């Protein structure tokens, strides 16, 4: 799995034995299949009422990794360094699709070799010293993720609006990768103003 281009080397950048995460979720494919088996759309499916088909959402996902670290005086220097390293890796090798600078949030995507499908996603949030790192290896629908995120009131301000704006621009709630420059590096995404986001939400 570590050889997959969409794999984010969190453990190599942050010593999680020293910087103890508050949340450390590591679900490879075989565990995802086991988890998804309980979400069958029946009466015991917690997502049934939301119209979300979890097995369909993750059918092409190889790994989901979520790490949440609460910053303190002891771990802050190492956390600062590690998050800057991860951000540098993502900005140089991935396509940045959403930024919320005031919340220090970035959402990134990587295409597969054919350039026709998504190979993975990553989310970095480093706000008020606390860090959230999400890495999805494999293909996942951004449109369906937006639907799940819509039910959450814990997303950073402005992030969901900008995701919706991208979805409305593409016409089917899926983000298109940013274009590459001559050197192959991902260009920065188009900034979405608040007025743009509000127009997109009203459609």
C-alpha atoms as a PDB file:
ATOM      1  CA  UNK A   1       0.000   0.000   0.000  1.00  0.00           C
ATOM      2  CA  UNK A   2       2.864   2.394   0.764  1.00  0.00           C
ATOM      3  CA  UNK A   3       3.934   2.153  -2.895  1.00  0.00           C
ATOM      4  CA  UNK A   4       0.585   3.501  -4.086  1.00  0.00           C
ATOM      5  CA  UNK A   5       1.070   7.102  -5.353  1.00  0.00           C
ATOM      6  CA  UNK A   6      -2.048   8.207  -3.436  1.00  0.00           C
ATOM      7  CA  UNK A   7      -0.727   6.897  -0.113  1.00  0.00           C
ATOM      8  CA  UNK A   8       0.195   9.732   2.241  1.00  0.00           C
ATOM      9  CA  UNK A   9       3.191   8.790   4.452  1.00  0.00           C
ATOM     10  CA  UNK A  10       1.748  10.134   7.700  1.00  0.00           C
ATOM     11  CA  UNK A  11       3.715   7.775   9.944  1.00  0.00           C
ATOM     12  CA  UNK A  12       7.024   8.674   8.299  1.00  0.00           C
ATOM     13  CA  UNK A  13       6.433  12.392   8.735  1.00  0.00           C
ATOM     14  CA  UNK A  14       4.941  12.302  12.232  1.00  0.00           C
ATOM     15  CA  UNK A  15       6.177  10.005  14.997  1.00  0.00           C
ATOM     16  CA  UNK A  16       2.793   8.880  16.294  1.00  0.00           C
ATOM     17  CA  UNK A  17       4.455   6.962  19.117  1.00  0.00           C
ATOM     18  CA  UNK A  18       5.700  10.270  20.482  1.00  0.00           C
ATOM     19  CA  UNK A  19       2.928  12.561  19.248  1.00  0.00           C
ATOM     20  CA  UNK A  20      -0.051  10.595  20.499  1.00  0.00           C
ATOM     21  CA  UNK A  21      -3.093  11.160  18.271  1.00  0.00           C
ATOM     22  CA  UNK A  22      -6.548  11.637  19.755  1.00  0.00           C
ATOM     23  CA  UNK A  23      -7.937   9.667  16.790  1.00  0.00           C
ATOM     24  CA  UNK A  24      -6.001   7.189  14.661  1.00  0.00           C
ATOM     25  CA  UNK A  25      -8.190   5.270  12.207  1.00  0.00           C
ATOM     26  CA  UNK A  26      -6.484   2.900   9.770  1.00  0.00           C
ATOM     27  CA  UNK A  27      -8.878   0.885   7.594  1.00  0.00           C
ATOM     28  CA  UNK A  28      -7.352  -1.107   4.715  1.00  0.00           C
ATOM     29  CA  UNK A  29      -9.564  -2.767   2.127  1.00  0.00           C
ATOM     30  CA  UNK A  30     -10.248  -6.015   4.003  1.00  0.00           C
ATOM     31  CA  UNK A  31     -11.465  -4.103   7.059  1.00  0.00           C
ATOM     32  CA  UNK A  32     -13.513  -1.675   4.958  1.00  0.00           C
ATOM     33  CA  UNK A  33     -15.401  -4.595   3.428  1.00  0.00           C
ATOM     34  CA  UNK A  34     -16.150  -5.902   6.905  1.00  0.00           C
ATOM     35  CA  UNK A  35     -17.350  -2.496   8.124  1.00  0.00           C
ATOM     36  CA  UNK A  36     -19.473  -1.922   5.012  1.00  0.00           C
ATOM     37  CA  UNK A  37     -21.251  -5.259   5.467  1.00  0.00           C
ATOM     38  CA  UNK A  38     -23.187  -3.750   8.361  1.00  0.00           C
ATOM     39  CA  UNK A  39     -24.479  -0.885   6.207  1.00  0.00           C
ATOM     40  CA  UNK A  40     -26.944  -2.882   4.125  1.00  0.00           C
ATOM     41  CA  UNK A  41     -29.764  -0.338   3.941  1.00  0.00           C
ATOM     42  CA  UNK A  42     -31.792  -2.226   6.526  1.00  0.00           C
ATOM     43  CA  UNK A  43     -33.364  -0.984   9.737  1.00  0.00           C
ATOM     44  CA  UNK A  44     -30.042  -1.253  11.590  1.00  0.00           C
ATOM     45  CA  UNK A  45     -28.149   0.801   9.009  1.00  0.00           C
ATOM     46  CA  UNK A  46     -27.411   4.200  10.651  1.00  0.00           C
ATOM     47  CA  UNK A  47     -27.114   5.844   7.212  1.00  0.00           C
ATOM     48  CA  UNK A  48     -30.275   4.353   5.720  1.00  0.00           C
ATOM     49  CA  UNK A  49     -32.397   7.398   6.512  1.00  0.00           C
ATOM     50  CA  UNK A  50     -29.850   9.695   4.879  1.00  0.00           C
ATOM     51  CA  UNK A  51     -30.006   7.835   1.579  1.00  0.00           C
ATOM     52  CA  UNK A  52     -26.267   7.098   1.695  1.00  0.00           C
ATOM     53  CA  UNK A  53     -25.051   3.758   0.339  1.00  0.00           C
ATOM     54  CA  UNK A  54     -21.758   3.253   2.173  1.00  0.00           C
ATOM     55  CA  UNK A  55     -20.784  -0.011   0.409  1.00  0.00           C
ATOM     56  CA  UNK A  56     -21.215   1.733  -2.963  1.00  0.00           C
ATOM     57  CA  UNK A  57     -19.270   4.778  -1.770  1.00  0.00           C
ATOM     58  CA  UNK A  58     -16.199   2.785  -0.748  1.00  0.00           C
ATOM     59  CA  UNK A  59     -16.323  -0.060  -3.285  1.00  0.00           C
ATOM     60  CA  UNK A  60     -13.196   1.249  -5.068  1.00  0.00           C
ATOM     61  CA  UNK A  61     -11.375   2.433  -1.934  1.00  0.00           C
ATOM     62  CA  UNK A  62      -8.215   0.613  -0.828  1.00  0.00           C
ATOM     63  CA  UNK A  63      -7.529   2.515   2.398  1.00  0.00           C
ATOM     64  CA  UNK A  64      -9.064   5.165   4.647  1.00  0.00           C
ATOM     65  CA  UNK A  65      -6.762   6.813   7.154  1.00  0.00           C
ATOM     66  CA  UNK A  66      -7.842   9.504   9.630  1.00  0.00           C
ATOM     67  CA  UNK A  67      -5.483  11.029  12.189  1.00  0.00           C
ATOM     68  CA  UNK A  68      -6.471  13.772  14.627  1.00  0.00           C
ATOM     69  CA  UNK A  69      -3.812  15.304  16.867  1.00  0.00           C
ATOM     70  CA  UNK A  70      -4.460  17.808  19.636  1.00  0.00           C
ATOM     71  CA  UNK A  71      -1.602  20.270  19.801  1.00  0.00           C
ATOM     72  CA  UNK A  72       0.077  21.171  23.086  1.00  0.00           C
ATOM     73  CA  UNK A  73       3.290  22.840  24.251  1.00  0.00           C
ATOM     74  CA  UNK A  74       5.161  19.525  24.109  1.00  0.00           C
ATOM     75  CA  UNK A  75       4.268  18.300  20.618  1.00  0.00           C
ATOM     76  CA  UNK A  76       3.646  21.604  18.802  1.00  0.00           C
ATOM     77  CA  UNK A  77       7.153  22.048  17.253  1.00  0.00           C
ATOM     78  CA  UNK A  78       7.165  18.505  15.805  1.00  0.00           C
ATOM     79  CA  UNK A  79       3.542  18.872  14.691  1.00  0.00           C
ATOM     80  CA  UNK A  80       4.299  22.179  12.944  1.00  0.00           C
ATOM     81  CA  UNK A  81       7.197  20.588  11.069  1.00  0.00           C
ATOM     82  CA  UNK A  82       5.261  17.459  10.125  1.00  0.00           C
ATOM     83  CA  UNK A  83       2.209  19.337   8.848  1.00  0.00           C
ATOM     84  CA  UNK A  84       4.384  21.659   6.753  1.00  0.00           C
ATOM     85  CA  UNK A  85       6.097  18.600   5.238  1.00  0.00           C
ATOM     86  CA  UNK A  86       2.767  16.937   4.402  1.00  0.00           C
ATOM     87  CA  UNK A  87       1.408  20.166   2.935  1.00  0.00           C
ATOM     88  CA  UNK A  88       4.543  20.543   0.799  1.00  0.00           C
ATOM     89  CA  UNK A  89       4.192  16.973  -0.481  1.00  0.00           C
ATOM     90  CA  UNK A  90       0.540  17.489  -1.378  1.00  0.00           C
ATOM     91  CA  UNK A  91       1.089  20.855  -3.065  1.00  0.00           C
ATOM     92  CA  UNK A  92       3.938  19.517  -5.196  1.00  0.00           C
ATOM     93  CA  UNK A  93       2.508  16.154  -6.267  1.00  0.00           C
ATOM     94  CA  UNK A  94      -1.288  16.406  -5.885  1.00  0.00           C
ATOM     95  CA  UNK A  95      -3.986  18.623  -7.391  1.00  0.00           C
ATOM     96  CA  UNK A  96      -5.262  21.159  -4.903  1.00  0.00           C
ATOM     97  CA  UNK A  97      -9.022  21.388  -5.395  1.00  0.00           C
ATOM     98  CA  UNK A  98     -10.251  23.390  -2.395  1.00  0.00           C
ATOM     99  CA  UNK A  99      -8.578  25.873  -0.077  1.00  0.00           C
ATOM    100  CA  UNK A 100     -10.008  27.756   2.856  1.00  0.00           C
ATOM    101  CA  UNK A 101      -7.023  29.919   3.889  1.00  0.00           C
ATOM    102  CA  UNK A 102      -8.760  31.543   6.852  1.00  0.00           C
ATOM    103  CA  UNK A 103      -9.351  28.080   8.322  1.00  0.00           C
ATOM    104  CA  UNK A 104      -6.022  26.611   7.131  1.00  0.00           C
ATOM    105  CA  UNK A 105      -7.817  23.862   5.216  1.00  0.00           C
ATOM    106  CA  UNK A 106      -6.751  22.113   2.025  1.00  0.00           C
ATOM    107  CA  UNK A 107      -8.440  19.374  -0.018  1.00  0.00           C
ATOM    108  CA  UNK A 108      -6.330  17.549  -2.596  1.00  0.00           C
ATOM    109  CA  UNK A 109      -6.897  14.890  -5.248  1.00  0.00           C
ATOM    110  CA  UNK A 110      -4.639  12.634  -7.281  1.00  0.00           C
ATOM    111  CA  UNK A 111      -5.557  11.194 -10.670  1.00  0.00           C
ATOM    112  CA  UNK A 112      -4.711   7.708 -11.846  1.00  0.00           C
ATOM    113  CA  UNK A 113      -2.095   7.188 -14.593  1.00  0.00           C
ATOM    114  CA  UNK A 114      -4.769   7.414 -17.286  1.00  0.00           C
ATOM    115  CA  UNK A 115      -5.909  10.797 -16.040  1.00  0.00           C
ATOM    116  CA  UNK A 116      -9.510   9.598 -16.335  1.00  0.00           C
ATOM    117  CA  UNK A 117     -10.248   8.661 -12.732  1.00  0.00           C
ATOM    118  CA  UNK A 118      -9.346   9.543  -9.172  1.00  0.00           C
ATOM    119  CA  UNK A 119      -6.585   7.602  -7.459  1.00  0.00           C
ATOM    120  CA  UNK A 120      -6.993   9.186  -4.037  1.00  0.00           C
ATOM    121  CA  UNK A 121      -7.906  12.148  -1.878  1.00  0.00           C
ATOM    122  CA  UNK A 122      -6.334  13.944   1.065  1.00  0.00           C
ATOM    123  CA  UNK A 123      -7.547  16.588   3.499  1.00  0.00           C
ATOM    124  CA  UNK A 124      -5.363  18.682   5.796  1.00  0.00           C
ATOM    125  CA  UNK A 125      -6.779  20.877   8.538  1.00  0.00           C
ATOM    126  CA  UNK A 126      -4.410  22.673  10.897  1.00  0.00           C
ATOM    127  CA  UNK A 127      -6.428  25.222  12.794  1.00  0.00           C
ATOM    128  CA  UNK A 128      -5.667  26.672  16.237  1.00  0.00           C
ATOM    129  CA  UNK A 129      -2.841  24.201  16.654  1.00  0.00           C
ATOM    130  CA  UNK A 130      -4.929  21.039  16.223  1.00  0.00           C
ATOM    131  CA  UNK A 131      -4.374  18.847  13.161  1.00  0.00           C
ATOM    132  CA  UNK A 132      -6.698  16.648  11.115  1.00  0.00           C
ATOM    133  CA  UNK A 133      -5.250  14.459   8.357  1.00  0.00           C
ATOM    134  CA  UNK A 134      -7.415  12.356   6.055  1.00  0.00           C
ATOM    135  CA  UNK A 135      -6.067  10.084   3.328  1.00  0.00           C
ATOM    136  CA  UNK A 136      -8.277   8.032   1.009  1.00  0.00           C
ATOM    137  CA  UNK A 137      -6.458   5.683  -1.355  1.00  0.00           C
ATOM    138  CA  UNK A 138      -8.645   4.685  -4.277  1.00  0.00           C
ATOM    139  CA  UNK A 139     -11.580   6.121  -6.181  1.00  0.00           C
ATOM    140  CA  UNK A 140     -14.355   7.863  -4.270  1.00  0.00           C
ATOM    141  CA  UNK A 141     -17.163  10.144  -5.440  1.00  0.00           C
ATOM    142  CA  UNK A 142     -16.691  13.730  -4.248  1.00  0.00           C
ATOM    143  CA  UNK A 143     -20.379  14.333  -4.888  1.00  0.00           C
ATOM    144  CA  UNK A 144     -21.325  11.559  -2.463  1.00  0.00           C
ATOM    145  CA  UNK A 145     -18.816  12.811   0.084  1.00  0.00           C
ATOM    146  CA  UNK A 146     -20.420  16.246  -0.112  1.00  0.00           C
ATOM    147  CA  UNK A 147     -23.777  14.636   0.633  1.00  0.00           C
ATOM    148  CA  UNK A 148     -22.356  13.058   3.795  1.00  0.00           C
ATOM    149  CA  UNK A 149     -20.567  16.270   4.766  1.00  0.00           C
ATOM    150  CA  UNK A 150     -23.821  18.213   4.416  1.00  0.00           C
ATOM    151  CA  UNK A 151     -25.121  16.495   7.538  1.00  0.00           C
ATOM    152  CA  UNK A 152     -22.097  17.538   9.590  1.00  0.00           C
ATOM    153  CA  UNK A 153     -21.955  20.774  11.566  1.00  0.00           C
ATOM    154  CA  UNK A 154     -18.279  20.334  12.430  1.00  0.00           C
ATOM    155  CA  UNK A 155     -16.720  21.189   9.082  1.00  0.00           C
ATOM    156  CA  UNK A 156     -14.538  24.317   8.966  1.00  0.00           C
ATOM    157  CA  UNK A 157     -16.436  27.443   7.968  1.00  0.00           C
ATOM    158  CA  UNK A 158     -16.570  27.937   4.204  1.00  0.00           C
ATOM    159  CA  UNK A 159     -15.272  24.477   3.250  1.00  0.00           C
ATOM    160  CA  UNK A 160     -18.623  22.895   2.407  1.00  0.00           C
ATOM    161  CA  UNK A 161     -19.761  25.966   0.456  1.00  0.00           C
ATOM    162  CA  UNK A 162     -16.672  25.846  -1.719  1.00  0.00           C
ATOM    163  CA  UNK A 163     -17.055  22.116  -2.320  1.00  0.00           C
ATOM    164  CA  UNK A 164     -20.651  22.737  -3.406  1.00  0.00           C
ATOM    165  CA  UNK A 165     -19.529  25.539  -5.708  1.00  0.00           C
ATOM    166  CA  UNK A 166     -17.103  23.174  -7.449  1.00  0.00           C
ATOM    167  CA  UNK A 167     -19.823  20.541  -7.714  1.00  0.00           C
ATOM    168  CA  UNK A 168     -22.256  22.994  -9.296  1.00  0.00           C
ATOM    169  CA  UNK A 169     -19.638  24.177 -11.791  1.00  0.00           C
ATOM    170  CA  UNK A 170     -19.043  20.631 -13.013  1.00  0.00           C
ATOM    171  CA  UNK A 171     -22.767  19.977 -13.211  1.00  0.00           C
ATOM    172  CA  UNK A 172     -22.683  16.686 -11.324  1.00  0.00           C
ATOM    173  CA  UNK A 173     -21.116  17.468  -7.950  1.00  0.00           C
ATOM    174  CA  UNK A 174     -17.737  16.028  -8.800  1.00  0.00           C
ATOM    175  CA  UNK A 175     -14.583  18.092  -8.731  1.00  0.00           C
ATOM    176  CA  UNK A 176     -12.451  18.265 -11.845  1.00  0.00           C
ATOM    177  CA  UNK A 177      -8.670  18.232 -11.315  1.00  0.00           C
ATOM    178  CA  UNK A 178      -6.849  21.497 -11.798  1.00  0.00           C
ATOM    179  CA  UNK A 179      -4.828  21.794 -14.965  1.00  0.00           C
ATOM    180  CA  UNK A 180      -1.105  21.148 -14.955  1.00  0.00           C
ATOM    181  CA  UNK A 181       1.521  23.603 -16.021  1.00  0.00           C
ATOM    182  CA  UNK A 182       4.344  22.810 -18.420  1.00  0.00           C
ATOM    183  CA  UNK A 183       6.423  21.311 -15.629  1.00  0.00           C
ATOM    184  CA  UNK A 184       3.640  18.953 -14.569  1.00  0.00           C
ATOM    185  CA  UNK A 185       2.939  20.722 -11.279  1.00  0.00           C
ATOM    186  CA  UNK A 186      -0.632  21.327 -10.259  1.00  0.00           C
ATOM    187  CA  UNK A 187      -1.821  24.877 -10.670  1.00  0.00           C
ATOM    188  CA  UNK A 188      -3.593  26.469  -7.732  1.00  0.00           C
ATOM    189  CA  UNK A 189      -7.371  26.122  -7.780  1.00  0.00           C
ATOM    190  CA  UNK A 190      -9.571  29.026  -8.672  1.00  0.00           C
ATOM    191  CA  UNK A 191     -10.493  30.951  -5.547  1.00  0.00           C
ATOM    192  CA  UNK A 192     -14.220  30.876  -4.848  1.00  0.00           C
ATOM    193  CA  UNK A 193     -15.559  34.034  -3.267  1.00  0.00           C
ATOM    194  CA  UNK A 194     -18.348  33.995  -0.718  1.00  0.00           C
ATOM    195  CA  UNK A 195     -20.726  35.460  -3.309  1.00  0.00           C
ATOM    196  CA  UNK A 196     -19.880  32.638  -5.708  1.00  0.00           C
ATOM    197  CA  UNK A 197     -20.541  30.090  -2.990  1.00  0.00           C
ATOM    198  CA  UNK A 198     -23.875  31.638  -2.106  1.00  0.00           C
ATOM    199  CA  UNK A 199     -24.965  31.645  -5.760  1.00  0.00           C
ATOM    200  CA  UNK A 200     -23.961  28.004  -6.059  1.00  0.00           C
ATOM    201  CA  UNK A 201     -25.939  27.104  -2.946  1.00  0.00           C
ATOM    202  CA  UNK A 202     -29.030  28.846  -4.275  1.00  0.00           C
ATOM    203  CA  UNK A 203     -29.098  26.790  -7.495  1.00  0.00           C
END
